C-alpha atoms as a PDB file:
ATOM      1  CA  UNK A   1       0.000   0.000   0.000  1.00  0.00           C
ATOM      2  CA  UNK A   2       1.376   3.400  -0.844  1.00  0.00           C
ATOM      3  CA  UNK A   3       1.731   4.859   2.660  1.00  0.00           C
ATOM      4  CA  UNK A   4       2.062   8.378   1.275  1.00  0.00           C
ATOM      5  CA  UNK A   5      -1.415   8.015  -0.255  1.00  0.00           C
ATOM      6  CA  UNK A   6      -2.853   7.795   3.255  1.00  0.00           C
ATOM      7  CA  UNK A   7      -1.272  11.173   3.987  1.00  0.00           C
ATOM      8  CA  UNK A   8      -2.527  12.729   0.758  1.00  0.00           C
ATOM      9  CA  UNK A   9      -5.340  15.267   0.665  1.00  0.00           C
ATOM     10  CA  UNK A  10      -7.645  14.013  -2.067  1.00  0.00           C
ATOM     11  CA  UNK A  11     -10.858  15.194  -3.697  1.00  0.00           C
ATOM     12  CA  UNK A  12     -13.328  13.995  -6.262  1.00  0.00           C
ATOM     13  CA  UNK A  13     -12.690  15.205  -9.774  1.00  0.00           C
ATOM     14  CA  UNK A  14     -14.922  18.138 -10.673  1.00  0.00           C
ATOM     15  CA  UNK A  15     -15.956  16.041 -13.701  1.00  0.00           C
ATOM     16  CA  UNK A  16     -17.222  13.165 -11.541  1.00  0.00           C
ATOM     17  CA  UNK A  17     -20.824  12.374 -10.727  1.00  0.00           C
ATOM     18  CA  UNK A  18     -21.778   9.839  -8.057  1.00  0.00           C
ATOM     19  CA  UNK A  19     -25.150   8.122  -8.063  1.00  0.00           C
ATOM     20  CA  UNK A  20     -25.957   6.106  -4.949  1.00  0.00           C
ATOM     21  CA  UNK A  21     -27.267   2.598  -5.575  1.00  0.00           C
ATOM     22  CA  UNK A  22     -28.242  -0.239  -3.202  1.00  0.00           C
ATOM     23  CA  UNK A  23     -24.928  -1.997  -3.936  1.00  0.00           C
ATOM     24  CA  UNK A  24     -22.828   1.171  -3.457  1.00  0.00           C
ATOM     25  CA  UNK A  25     -22.763   3.700  -6.288  1.00  0.00           C
ATOM     26  CA  UNK A  26     -22.168   4.443  -9.925  1.00  0.00           C
ATOM     27  CA  UNK A  27     -19.317   6.836 -10.620  1.00  0.00           C
ATOM     28  CA  UNK A  28     -19.331   8.573 -13.999  1.00  0.00           C
ATOM     29  CA  UNK A  29     -16.532  10.781 -15.296  1.00  0.00           C
ATOM     30  CA  UNK A  30     -17.894  13.240 -17.845  1.00  0.00           C
ATOM     31  CA  UNK A  31     -14.474  13.940 -19.363  1.00  0.00           C
ATOM     32  CA  UNK A  32     -13.468  10.347 -20.066  1.00  0.00           C
ATOM     33  CA  UNK A  33     -17.033   8.982 -20.246  1.00  0.00           C
ATOM     34  CA  UNK A  34     -15.928   6.188 -17.956  1.00  0.00           C
ATOM     35  CA  UNK A  35     -18.466   4.461 -15.723  1.00  0.00           C
ATOM     36  CA  UNK A  36     -17.249   2.679 -12.609  1.00  0.00           C
ATOM     37  CA  UNK A  37     -19.225   0.587 -10.146  1.00  0.00           C
ATOM     38  CA  UNK A  38     -18.412   1.223  -6.482  1.00  0.00           C
ATOM     39  CA  UNK A  39     -19.483  -2.093  -5.033  1.00  0.00           C
ATOM     40  CA  UNK A  40     -19.647  -1.141  -1.354  1.00  0.00           C
ATOM     41  CA  UNK A  41     -21.782   1.495   0.367  1.00  0.00           C
ATOM     42  CA  UNK A  42     -18.799   2.196   2.644  1.00  0.00           C
ATOM     43  CA  UNK A  43     -16.711   3.142  -0.383  1.00  0.00           C
ATOM     44  CA  UNK A  44     -19.360   5.669  -1.379  1.00  0.00           C
ATOM     45  CA  UNK A  45     -19.057   7.260   2.062  1.00  0.00           C
ATOM     46  CA  UNK A  46     -15.262   7.380   1.723  1.00  0.00           C
ATOM     47  CA  UNK A  47     -15.603   8.971  -1.708  1.00  0.00           C
ATOM     48  CA  UNK A  48     -18.005  11.579  -0.340  1.00  0.00           C
ATOM     49  CA  UNK A  49     -15.469  12.318   2.391  1.00  0.00           C
ATOM     50  CA  UNK A  50     -12.706  13.180  -0.073  1.00  0.00           C
ATOM     51  CA  UNK A  51     -13.081  16.934   0.260  1.00  0.00           C
ATOM     52  CA  UNK A  52      -9.507  18.040  -0.402  1.00  0.00           C
ATOM     53  CA  UNK A  53      -9.097  19.244   3.172  1.00  0.00           C
ATOM     54  CA  UNK A  54      -8.572  15.957   5.010  1.00  0.00           C
ATOM     55  CA  UNK A  55      -5.975  13.279   4.452  1.00  0.00           C
ATOM     56  CA  UNK A  56      -7.198   9.912   3.206  1.00  0.00           C
ATOM     57  CA  UNK A  57      -6.382   8.389   6.594  1.00  0.00           C
ATOM     58  CA  UNK A  58      -8.600  10.988   8.299  1.00  0.00           C
ATOM     59  CA  UNK A  59     -11.457  10.189   5.932  1.00  0.00           C
ATOM     60  CA  UNK A  60     -11.088   6.459   6.610  1.00  0.00           C
ATOM     61  CA  UNK A  61     -11.215   7.095  10.361  1.00  0.00           C
ATOM     62  CA  UNK A  62     -14.262   9.358   9.994  1.00  0.00           C
ATOM     63  CA  UNK A  63     -16.009   6.655   7.946  1.00  0.00           C
ATOM     64  CA  UNK A  64     -15.156   4.067  10.614  1.00  0.00           C
ATOM     65  CA  UNK A  65     -13.203   1.877   8.210  1.00  0.00           C
ATOM     66  CA  UNK A  66     -11.157  -0.623  10.266  1.00  0.00           C
ATOM     67  CA  UNK A  67      -7.419  -0.042   9.840  1.00  0.00           C
ATOM     68  CA  UNK A  68      -6.987  -3.637   8.669  1.00  0.00           C
ATOM     69  CA  UNK A  69      -9.046  -2.701   5.581  1.00  0.00           C
ATOM     70  CA  UNK A  70      -7.106   0.485   4.774  1.00  0.00           C
ATOM     71  CA  UNK A  71      -4.789  -1.238   2.257  1.00  0.00           C
ATOM     72  CA  UNK A  72      -7.777  -2.375   0.176  1.00  0.00           C
ATOM     73  CA  UNK A  73      -9.312   1.096   0.246  1.00  0.00           C
ATOM     74  CA  UNK A  74      -5.979   2.717  -0.610  1.00  0.00           C
ATOM     75  CA  UNK A  75      -5.575   0.391  -3.611  1.00  0.00           C
ATOM     76  CA  UNK A  76      -9.088   1.198  -4.774  1.00  0.00           C
ATOM     77  CA  UNK A  77      -8.526   4.936  -4.372  1.00  0.00           C
ATOM     78  CA  UNK A  78      -5.220   4.591  -6.239  1.00  0.00           C
ATOM     79  CA  UNK A  79      -7.074   3.024  -9.194  1.00  0.00           C
ATOM     80  CA  UNK A  80      -9.610   5.851  -9.067  1.00  0.00           C
ATOM     81  CA  UNK A  81      -6.736   8.359  -9.143  1.00  0.00           C
ATOM     82  CA  UNK A  82      -5.279   6.572 -12.183  1.00  0.00           C
ATOM     83  CA  UNK A  83      -8.658   6.851 -13.925  1.00  0.00           C
ATOM     84  CA  UNK A  84      -8.972  10.560 -13.104  1.00  0.00           C
ATOM     85  CA  UNK A  85     -12.001  10.150 -10.843  1.00  0.00           C
ATOM     86  CA  UNK A  86     -10.067  11.183  -7.728  1.00  0.00           C
ATOM     87  CA  UNK A  87      -7.493  13.965  -7.781  1.00  0.00           C
ATOM     88  CA  UNK A  88      -5.092  15.554  -5.339  1.00  0.00           C
ATOM     89  CA  UNK A  89      -6.231  18.675  -3.544  1.00  0.00           C
ATOM     90  CA  UNK A  90      -3.487  20.600  -5.374  1.00  0.00           C
ATOM     91  CA  UNK A  91      -5.020  19.604  -8.720  1.00  0.00           C
ATOM     92  CA  UNK A  92      -8.440  20.865  -7.643  1.00  0.00           C
ATOM     93  CA  UNK A  93      -6.956  24.185  -6.528  1.00  0.00           C
ATOM     94  CA  UNK A  94      -4.951  24.477  -9.751  1.00  0.00           C
ATOM     95  CA  UNK A  95      -1.541  24.013  -8.093  1.00  0.00           C
ATOM     96  CA  UNK A  96      -0.796  20.621  -9.627  1.00  0.00           C
END
């Protein structure tokens, strides 16, 4: 797990739309036209917590994600960063 990712301030891409579903959510990126299924309601809550002000670890704590599950969440968030659905806070503010 990239430890530095846990210390990163992350946010949802401004081009991302989340639609809650019983299984979790649908995430749609308007720029890439990519649709992703978030298969856990807890992941939706983590995504909603990515406000650019708190570190990923702080969001995971606030969402009551057990620390043993953090590596799985970090890997998932890393894939969402690679797809452009999650960005660093610096990117949102125009610094990155």
